[in-house]
C-alpha cells in the first residue's frame, strides 16, 4: 500500500504530483523554451512565440489529459464547434497558443555528448517517474509482468476510414510493466524501442526468448532479495530465467507454451499431449529441486512452471457452469492474479490519453503520464481522502484537469 499518509483534504493534483512534481514541470518549461529559441535561431524567428510559463505548462498538460476522459481523435477538437468541443475549458488558453506550445514542447531539448540511448528525450522523466513509483508505494508479494492494453481507441478504429488508418503510423516501441496484482498499481515501466532491423531491433527479437528474458530482467532489477512472486505469460516463462531469478530470491509462476516459450531443459514427455483421454482437473507433475512443471487438463492441456508453490498443495478453479475443478494451488493462484489484471485493463485502459503524436518519444511520454494518473487514482482510493469525496476514475480525471487549468470549480460532474 501507500508509504505515506495523505491528508483528508488531498486533491487529485496532490496525488498526481507524487509522481510529476513541480520541479519536473519547471524543467519542461525550461527545456521547451530552450528548444524554441534554438529552433528559431535555425529556421527564423517566430513573432507569435512568447516563452511558456509554469501555469501554461500545467494548462497544456490539462488539455492533453482531458482527452483521456472525453475521447476524441484530436485534442484540437476542444476548440471546435463540433460534438467534442469543450467550452468550459477552451477559454483558458487560445487554440493558437496551445498549438505553439505543442510545436516546441520538449522534456530534454538537446542530446548530450555522452548520450547513446534513443529515448534520451524522455529518459530523465521516466527515471523521475520510477523514483516516484518506488517511494510512494510498497507493492504486495504477488506481481505480474505483462504488456498493458495501450492500443488505439476501438471507437475511433471502428469509425475511421481506411485512408485514416493507413496514415496512422505503427508504434515503434513495445511497453512492458511490472504490476502489483493486489491493487493494480504499476511498479515499473520498461520501454523497448524498435531501433532498426539489426540484431538488437525489435523486429529481429520479436517473439524470441532473448528479448523477453531481457525485458523480465530489466523489470525485476529492483526486486532481488524481497521474496516477490512474479507471474509471467508464455513469452517470458523459461527454466533458465526462473533459475536465475531464484538465485536473487525472486520466485516465479508462469504459463508455458510449446510454441511461444523457451522450453530448453524441460522434459519432452511433459510437453507432449497424452493420447489417452483425460478428465477435467487431472494433472501430471515433474520436479527438479524447487522447480515444478505441471501439466493440467481442462478442455485442453495447460502447462505451468513454478518454484513459488508446492505442487502437492491443492487448489480449485470455480466455473459458473461446471462448478469446481480440482487443480494444483499454483494453477489457482495464476488464474486469480491473471483475472485481476484483466479487470484492471478493462477498467483503466480506456483512460489513456488519446492524443497520438508521430514522434515516438512523445507517444511514450503520454503513455507514461496516463499510467501515472492511473497510479495516482489507485493511491487516492487507498487513502482517507477517498472516504470524504468518493470520486470515480472519470471524476478524478475531470478534477485533475480543472486543477491543472486553474479553474476554481473543481466539483465533479455527476
Protein backbone atom coordinates (compact mmCIF):
# COMPACT_ATOMS: atom_id res chain seq x y z
CA UNK A 1 0.00 0.00 0.00
CA UNK A 2 0.93 3.72 0.17
CA UNK A 3 4.12 4.62 2.04
CA UNK A 4 2.82 7.98 3.27
CA UNK A 5 -0.45 9.19 4.74
CA UNK A 6 -2.19 11.83 2.63
CA UNK A 7 -4.43 14.43 4.35
CA UNK A 8 -8.23 14.21 4.18
CA UNK A 9 -8.25 17.35 2.02
CA UNK A 10 -5.74 15.98 -0.53
CA UNK A 11 -6.78 16.85 -4.10
CA UNK A 12 -6.33 14.95 -7.36
CA UNK A 13 -3.40 17.27 -8.09
CA UNK A 14 -1.70 16.28 -4.80
CA UNK A 15 -1.79 12.60 -5.78
CA UNK A 16 -0.64 13.32 -9.36
CA UNK A 17 2.28 15.40 -8.06
CA UNK A 18 3.60 12.45 -6.07
CA UNK A 19 4.85 11.30 -9.50
CA UNK A 20 5.01 14.53 -11.55
CA UNK A 21 6.05 17.26 -9.07
CA UNK A 22 6.50 20.96 -9.84
CA UNK A 23 10.28 20.64 -10.31
CA UNK A 24 9.66 18.19 -13.21
CA UNK A 25 7.10 20.58 -14.74
CA UNK A 26 9.52 23.53 -14.32
CA UNK A 27 12.17 21.54 -16.17
CA UNK A 28 9.69 21.02 -19.04
CA UNK A 29 9.19 24.80 -19.13
CA UNK A 30 12.94 25.45 -19.31
CA UNK A 31 13.58 22.76 -21.94
CA UNK A 32 10.62 23.88 -24.11
CA UNK A 33 11.84 27.49 -24.08
CA UNK A 34 15.41 26.38 -24.88
CA UNK A 35 14.20 24.29 -27.81
CA UNK A 36 12.01 27.14 -29.13
CA UNK A 37 14.99 29.53 -29.01
CA UNK A 38 17.31 27.10 -30.80
CA UNK A 39 14.63 26.23 -33.39
CA UNK A 40 14.11 29.92 -34.21
CA UNK A 41 17.85 30.56 -34.47
CA UNK A 42 18.00 27.84 -37.10
CA UNK A 43 14.76 28.36 -39.03
CA UNK A 44 13.95 32.04 -38.47
CA UNK A 45 12.21 33.95 -35.71
CA UNK A 46 8.61 33.26 -34.75
CA UNK A 47 6.98 36.58 -33.84
CA UNK A 48 3.96 34.83 -32.29
CA UNK A 49 6.06 32.87 -29.75
CA UNK A 50 6.37 34.00 -26.14
CA UNK A 51 8.25 31.89 -23.59
CA UNK A 52 5.94 29.41 -21.89
CA UNK A 53 5.29 29.70 -18.13
CA UNK A 54 4.66 27.05 -15.46
CA UNK A 55 0.94 27.96 -15.37
CA UNK A 56 0.70 27.49 -19.13
CA UNK A 57 2.58 24.19 -18.99
CA UNK A 58 0.10 22.87 -16.41
CA UNK A 59 -2.79 24.02 -18.62
CA UNK A 60 -1.14 22.35 -21.64
CA UNK A 61 -0.97 19.05 -19.72
CA UNK A 62 -4.56 19.57 -18.56
CA UNK A 63 -5.81 19.82 -22.16
CA UNK A 64 -3.95 16.66 -23.13
CA UNK A 65 -5.22 14.74 -20.09
CA UNK A 66 -8.80 15.82 -20.89
CA UNK A 67 -8.63 13.56 -24.00
CA UNK A 68 -8.36 10.55 -21.67
CA UNK A 69 -11.82 11.28 -20.25
CA UNK A 70 -13.63 12.64 -23.34
CA UNK A 71 -12.11 10.57 -26.15
CA UNK A 72 -11.70 12.42 -29.43
CA UNK A 73 -9.49 11.99 -32.47
CA UNK A 74 -7.64 15.28 -31.89
CA UNK A 75 -7.03 17.42 -28.82
CA UNK A 76 -7.83 20.44 -31.04
CA UNK A 77 -11.47 19.32 -31.03
CA UNK A 78 -11.75 21.15 -27.67
CA UNK A 79 -11.83 24.49 -29.53
CA UNK A 80 -14.04 23.29 -32.40
CA UNK A 81 -17.78 23.82 -32.69
CA UNK A 82 -18.38 20.09 -33.15
CA UNK A 83 -19.51 17.25 -30.90
CA UNK A 84 -16.18 17.00 -28.98
CA UNK A 85 -15.87 20.72 -28.23
CA UNK A 86 -15.47 21.67 -24.57
CA UNK A 87 -16.49 25.28 -23.95
CA UNK A 88 -15.87 25.06 -20.19
CA UNK A 89 -12.09 24.65 -20.59
CA UNK A 90 -11.50 26.15 -24.08
CA UNK A 91 -11.42 29.71 -22.67
CA UNK A 92 -8.32 29.16 -20.50
CA UNK A 93 -5.95 29.19 -23.49
CA UNK A 94 -6.43 30.02 -27.16
CA UNK A 95 -6.05 27.27 -29.75
CA UNK A 96 -3.18 29.13 -31.46
CA UNK A 97 -1.25 29.40 -28.17
CA UNK A 98 -1.82 25.70 -27.44
CA UNK A 99 -0.53 24.77 -30.91
CA UNK A 100 2.60 26.89 -30.39
CA UNK A 101 3.38 25.08 -27.11
CA UNK A 102 2.69 21.73 -28.79
CA UNK A 103 5.10 22.64 -31.61
CA UNK A 104 8.01 23.39 -29.27
CA UNK A 105 7.17 21.07 -26.34
CA UNK A 106 10.25 19.16 -25.07
CA UNK A 107 11.33 17.30 -21.94
CA UNK A 108 15.02 17.24 -22.99
CA UNK A 109 15.86 19.79 -25.68
CA UNK A 110 19.35 18.64 -26.69
CA UNK A 111 21.31 15.42 -26.81
CA UNK A 112 24.41 15.40 -24.57
CA UNK A 113 27.71 14.07 -25.92
CA UNK A 114 27.56 11.02 -23.61
CA UNK A 115 24.02 10.00 -24.64
CA UNK A 116 23.63 6.88 -26.75
CA UNK A 117 20.10 5.83 -25.72
CA UNK A 118 17.40 6.59 -28.28
CA UNK A 119 14.94 7.57 -25.53
CA UNK A 120 17.24 10.38 -24.33
CA UNK A 121 14.46 12.95 -24.89
CA UNK A 122 12.37 11.49 -22.05
CA UNK A 123 14.74 9.23 -20.08
CA UNK A 124 15.18 11.76 -17.22
CA UNK A 125 11.37 11.98 -16.96
CA UNK A 126 10.99 8.17 -16.92
CA UNK A 127 13.70 7.94 -14.22
CA UNK A 128 11.93 10.60 -12.13
CA UNK A 129 8.62 8.78 -12.57
CA UNK A 130 10.21 5.50 -11.47
CA UNK A 131 11.57 7.15 -8.31
CA UNK A 132 8.06 8.44 -7.60
CA UNK A 133 6.55 4.96 -8.03
CA UNK A 134 9.21 3.42 -5.75
CA UNK A 135 8.90 5.99 -2.97
CA UNK A 136 5.09 6.35 -2.92
CA UNK A 137 4.02 2.69 -2.91
CA UNK A 138 5.06 -0.64 -1.42
CA UNK A 139 3.78 -3.49 -3.64
CA UNK A 140 2.34 -6.79 -2.45
CA UNK A 141 4.31 -10.05 -2.73
CA UNK A 142 2.47 -11.18 -5.88
CA UNK A 143 3.23 -9.23 -9.07
CA UNK A 144 2.68 -9.70 -12.80
CA UNK A 145 4.91 -8.97 -15.81
CA UNK A 146 2.85 -8.15 -18.91
CA UNK A 147 2.14 -5.71 -21.74
CA UNK A 148 -0.79 -3.44 -20.78
CA UNK A 149 -3.53 -2.57 -23.26
CA UNK A 150 -2.38 0.65 -24.93
CA UNK A 151 -3.74 0.13 -28.41
CA UNK A 152 -5.78 2.55 -30.49
CA UNK A 153 -9.17 3.66 -29.17
CA UNK A 154 -11.55 0.95 -30.51
CA UNK A 155 -14.34 3.51 -31.08
CA UNK A 156 -12.10 5.54 -33.40
CA UNK A 157 -10.86 2.42 -35.22
CA UNK A 158 -14.46 1.35 -35.87
CA UNK A 159 -15.48 4.74 -37.29
CA UNK A 160 -12.42 5.95 -39.22
CA UNK A 161 -11.84 5.34 -42.93
CA UNK A 162 -9.16 3.03 -44.38
CA UNK A 163 -7.22 6.09 -45.54
CA UNK A 164 -7.12 7.49 -41.99
CA UNK A 165 -5.97 4.11 -40.68
CA UNK A 166 -3.13 3.95 -43.22
CA UNK A 167 -1.99 7.46 -42.24
CA UNK A 168 -1.53 6.33 -38.65
CA UNK A 169 1.99 5.09 -38.12
CA UNK A 170 2.56 1.85 -36.24
CA UNK A 171 4.11 2.15 -32.81
CA UNK A 172 7.89 1.84 -32.93
CA UNK A 173 8.18 0.54 -29.37
CA UNK A 174 6.73 -2.04 -27.03
CA UNK A 175 5.91 -1.30 -23.40
CA UNK A 176 6.00 -3.82 -20.54
CA UNK A 177 5.17 -3.29 -16.88
CA UNK A 178 5.67 -4.95 -13.50
CA UNK A 179 2.34 -4.60 -11.74
CA UNK A 180 1.15 -5.27 -8.18
CA UNK A 181 -1.60 -7.82 -8.73
CA UNK A 182 -3.41 -6.99 -5.45
CA UNK A 183 -4.05 -3.33 -6.30
CA UNK A 184 -3.20 -2.87 -9.99
CA UNK A 185 -0.50 -0.28 -9.16
CA UNK A 186 2.18 -0.30 -11.89
CA UNK A 187 5.52 -0.53 -10.06
CA UNK A 188 7.86 -0.32 -13.04
CA UNK A 189 7.76 0.54 -16.76
CA UNK A 190 10.13 -0.81 -19.41
CA UNK A 191 10.15 0.56 -22.96
CA UNK A 192 11.87 -1.35 -25.76
CA UNK A 193 12.44 0.59 -28.96
CA UNK A 194 12.29 -0.80 -32.45
CA UNK A 195 15.73 0.58 -33.32
CA UNK A 196 16.07 -0.74 -36.86
CA UNK A 197 16.37 -4.23 -38.27
CA UNK A 198 19.72 -5.07 -36.67
CA UNK A 199 20.41 -7.85 -34.17
CA UNK A 200 19.03 -5.74 -31.29
CA UNK A 201 15.99 -4.40 -33.14
CA UNK A 202 12.50 -5.33 -32.03
CA UNK A 203 11.82 -6.96 -35.43
CA UNK A 204 14.82 -9.26 -35.05
CA UNK A 205 13.88 -10.24 -31.50
CA UNK A 206 10.08 -10.40 -31.82
CA UNK A 207 8.69 -13.48 -30.02
CA UNK A 208 12.24 -14.63 -29.29
CA UNK A 209 13.29 -15.72 -25.79
CA UNK A 210 16.29 -13.34 -25.55
CA UNK A 211 14.09 -10.23 -25.88
CA UNK A 212 11.54 -11.34 -23.29
CA UNK A 213 14.26 -12.56 -20.92
CA UNK A 214 15.94 -9.14 -21.19
CA UNK A 215 12.60 -7.41 -20.55
CA UNK A 216 11.94 -9.55 -17.45
CA UNK A 217 15.42 -8.89 -16.00
CA UNK A 218 15.05 -5.13 -16.57
CA UNK A 219 11.63 -5.07 -14.88
CA UNK A 220 12.89 -7.05 -11.87
CA UNK A 221 16.24 -5.30 -11.37
CA UNK A 222 14.98 -3.65 -8.13
CA UNK A 223 13.14 -6.75 -6.90
CA UNK A 224 16.01 -9.00 -5.79
CA UNK A 225 16.08 -10.21 -2.18
CA UNK A 226 12.44 -9.28 -1.48
CA UNK A 227 10.80 -12.73 -1.90
CA UNK A 228 8.41 -11.47 -4.57
CA UNK A 229 6.32 -13.96 -6.54
CA UNK A 230 6.30 -12.96 -10.21
CA UNK A 231 3.59 -14.25 -12.57
CA UNK A 232 4.56 -14.40 -16.25
CA UNK A 233 2.96 -15.16 -19.60
CA UNK A 234 4.19 -17.81 -22.08
CA UNK A 235 6.62 -15.49 -23.90
CA UNK A 236 8.65 -14.82 -20.70
CA UNK A 237 8.35 -18.21 -18.95
CA UNK A 238 11.57 -20.27 -19.19
CA UNK A 239 13.53 -22.62 -16.93
CA UNK A 240 16.81 -20.70 -17.29
CA UNK A 241 15.21 -17.35 -16.36
CA UNK A 242 13.33 -18.79 -13.36
CA UNK A 243 16.51 -20.45 -12.04
CA UNK A 244 18.38 -17.16 -12.42
CA UNK A 245 15.64 -15.30 -10.55
CA UNK A 246 15.64 -17.90 -7.76
CA UNK A 247 19.28 -17.05 -7.01
CA UNK A 248 18.10 -13.46 -6.43
CA UNK A 249 15.26 -14.63 -4.12
CA UNK A 250 12.63 -13.85 -6.75
CA UNK A 251 10.14 -16.69 -7.20
CA UNK A 252 8.02 -17.30 -10.29
CA UNK A 253 4.89 -18.92 -11.62
CA UNK A 254 4.41 -18.89 -15.37
CA UNK A 255 2.17 -20.31 -18.06
CA UNK A 256 4.18 -22.40 -20.52
CA UNK A 257 3.53 -22.74 -24.25
CA UNK A 258 5.41 -25.18 -26.52
CA UNK A 259 5.02 -22.60 -29.31
CA UNK A 260 5.89 -19.32 -27.55
CA UNK A 261 8.07 -20.33 -24.59
CA UNK A 262 11.75 -21.26 -24.36
CA UNK A 263 11.41 -24.94 -23.39
CA UNK A 264 15.17 -25.60 -23.07
CA UNK A 265 15.93 -28.06 -20.27
CA UNK A 266 12.34 -29.26 -19.81
CA UNK A 267 11.44 -32.96 -20.16
CA UNK A 268 9.89 -33.69 -23.61
CA UNK A 269 7.49 -36.23 -22.08
CA UNK A 270 5.71 -33.36 -20.26
CA UNK A 271 5.49 -31.21 -23.37
CA UNK A 272 3.65 -33.82 -25.44
CA UNK A 273 -0.09 -34.30 -25.00
CA UNK A 274 -1.07 -37.77 -23.80
CA UNK A 275 -3.13 -39.83 -26.22
CA UNK A 276 -5.33 -41.38 -23.54
CA UNK A 277 -8.48 -39.30 -22.88
CA UNK A 278 -8.31 -37.33 -19.63
CA UNK A 279 -10.99 -35.92 -17.38
CA UNK A 280 -11.07 -32.28 -16.33
CA UNK A 281 -8.87 -31.49 -13.35
CA UNK A 282 -6.33 -34.29 -13.88
CA UNK A 283 -2.67 -33.29 -13.84
CA UNK A 284 0.88 -34.63 -14.01
CA UNK A 285 3.92 -33.21 -12.21
CA UNK A 286 7.69 -33.38 -12.71
CA UNK A 287 10.08 -31.79 -10.23
CA UNK A 288 13.73 -30.71 -10.19
CA UNK A 289 14.81 -29.15 -6.90
CA UNK A 290 12.30 -26.42 -6.08
CA UNK A 291 11.09 -26.22 -9.68
CA UNK A 292 7.84 -27.92 -10.68
CA UNK A 293 6.44 -28.50 -14.17
CA UNK A 294 2.67 -29.06 -14.03
CA UNK A 295 0.56 -30.34 -16.93
CA UNK A 296 -3.11 -29.76 -16.05
CA UNK A 297 -6.10 -30.75 -18.19
CA UNK A 298 -9.24 -28.60 -18.58
CA UNK A 299 -10.75 -28.92 -22.09
CA UNK A 300 -7.12 -28.85 -23.22
CA UNK A 301 -3.64 -29.19 -21.74
CA UNK A 302 -2.24 -26.26 -19.73
CA UNK A 303 1.38 -26.28 -18.54
CA UNK A 304 2.77 -24.24 -15.66
CA UNK A 305 6.35 -23.80 -14.46
CA UNK A 306 6.76 -22.65 -10.85
CA UNK A 307 9.13 -22.56 -7.88
CA UNK A 308 6.78 -20.42 -5.76
CA UNK A 309 4.17 -23.07 -4.88
CA UNK A 310 4.35 -26.66 -3.72
CA UNK A 311 2.90 -28.92 -6.44
CA UNK A 312 1.21 -31.13 -3.82
CA UNK A 313 -0.88 -28.27 -2.41
CA UNK A 314 -4.42 -28.47 -3.75
CA UNK A 315 -6.46 -25.63 -5.19
CA UNK A 316 -9.69 -25.27 -7.11
CA UNK A 317 -10.93 -23.34 -10.15
CA UNK A 318 -14.58 -22.29 -9.85
CA UNK A 319 -16.52 -22.16 -13.12
CA UNK A 320 -20.01 -20.75 -13.34
CA UNK A 321 -21.43 -23.70 -15.31
CA UNK A 322 -19.28 -26.69 -14.42
CA UNK A 323 -18.71 -25.88 -10.74
CA UNK A 324 -15.40 -26.64 -9.01
CA UNK A 325 -12.49 -28.14 -10.97
CA UNK A 326 -9.57 -29.50 -8.86
CA UNK A 327 -6.07 -28.24 -9.67
CA UNK A 328 -2.69 -27.59 -8.00
CA UNK A 329 -2.51 -24.37 -5.94
CA UNK A 330 -0.12 -22.80 -8.49
CA UNK A 331 -2.82 -23.03 -11.20
CA UNK A 332 -5.45 -21.45 -8.93
CA UNK A 333 -3.07 -18.61 -7.97
CA UNK A 334 -2.11 -17.93 -11.60
CA UNK A 335 -5.77 -17.78 -12.71
CA UNK A 336 -6.70 -15.44 -9.84
CA UNK A 337 -3.89 -12.95 -10.49
CA UNK A 338 -4.41 -13.04 -14.25
CA UNK A 339 -8.13 -12.32 -13.90
CA UNK A 340 -7.35 -9.34 -11.65
CA UNK A 341 -5.03 -7.83 -14.26
CA UNK A 342 -7.71 -8.37 -16.95
CA UNK A 343 -10.14 -6.43 -14.76
CA UNK A 344 -7.53 -3.66 -14.35
CA UNK A 345 -7.07 -3.46 -18.13
CA UNK A 346 -10.83 -3.32 -18.69
CA UNK A 347 -11.24 -0.55 -16.11
CA UNK A 348 -8.18 1.64 -16.69
CA UNK A 349 -7.04 1.13 -20.30
CA UNK A 350 -9.87 3.35 -21.57
CA UNK A 351 -8.38 6.29 -19.62
CA UNK A 352 -5.18 6.50 -21.66
CA UNK A 353 -4.60 9.88 -23.35
CA UNK A 354 -5.98 9.60 -26.87
CA UNK A 355 -3.62 12.19 -28.46
CA UNK A 356 -1.44 10.24 -30.94
CA UNK A 357 1.70 12.16 -31.97
CA UNK A 358 4.01 10.85 -34.69
CA UNK A 359 7.21 11.18 -32.64
CA UNK A 360 8.00 8.03 -30.66
CA UNK A 361 9.33 9.84 -27.57
CA UNK A 362 6.08 11.82 -27.34
CA UNK A 363 3.97 8.65 -27.65
CA UNK A 364 5.94 7.09 -24.77
CA UNK A 365 5.63 10.31 -22.75
CA UNK A 366 1.82 10.43 -22.96
CA UNK A 367 1.53 6.71 -22.16
CA UNK A 368 3.74 7.28 -19.10
CA UNK A 369 1.59 10.26 -17.99
CA UNK A 370 -1.54 8.09 -18.38
CA UNK A 371 -0.01 5.36 -16.20
CA UNK A 372 0.98 7.98 -13.58
CA UNK A 373 -2.63 9.24 -13.40
CA UNK A 374 -3.99 5.68 -13.02
CA UNK A 375 -1.45 5.06 -10.23
CA UNK A 376 -2.44 8.36 -8.59
CA UNK A 377 -6.10 7.27 -8.61
CA UNK A 378 -5.19 3.88 -7.05
CA UNK A 379 -3.37 5.70 -4.21
CA UNK A 380 -6.34 8.06 -3.84
CA UNK A 381 -8.73 5.09 -3.49
CA UNK A 382 -6.49 3.66 -0.75
CA UNK A 383 -6.35 6.97 1.15
CA UNK A 384 -8.71 8.53 3.69
CA UNK A 385 -9.44 11.31 1.19
CA UNK A 386 -11.47 8.80 -0.87
CA UNK A 387 -13.90 8.26 2.01
CA UNK A 388 -14.57 12.02 2.03
CA UNK A 389 -15.16 12.65 -1.70
CA UNK A 390 -15.51 9.20 -3.38
CA UNK A 391 -14.64 10.20 -6.96
CA UNK A 392 -14.88 7.65 -9.77
CA UNK A 393 -11.91 7.34 -12.15
CA UNK A 394 -13.63 9.69 -14.64
CA UNK A 395 -14.46 12.24 -11.92
CA UNK A 396 -10.88 12.07 -10.62
CA UNK A 397 -9.61 12.80 -14.14
CA UNK A 398 -12.03 15.72 -14.55
CA UNK A 399 -10.96 17.19 -11.24
CA UNK A 400 -7.27 16.85 -12.15
CA UNK A 401 -7.86 18.62 -15.49
CA UNK A 402 -9.67 21.51 -13.77
CA UNK A 403 -6.92 21.85 -11.15
CA UNK A 404 -4.21 21.88 -13.83
CA UNK A 405 -6.17 24.55 -15.73
CA UNK A 406 -6.57 26.61 -12.56
CA UNK A 407 -10.37 26.53 -12.56
CA UNK A 408 -11.96 27.28 -9.20
CA UNK A 409 -14.92 24.97 -9.78
CA UNK A 410 -13.42 21.55 -9.02
CA UNK A 411 -16.65 19.74 -8.19
CA UNK A 412 -17.09 16.64 -10.38
CA UNK A 413 -19.94 16.33 -12.84
CA UNK A 414 -22.47 13.64 -11.92
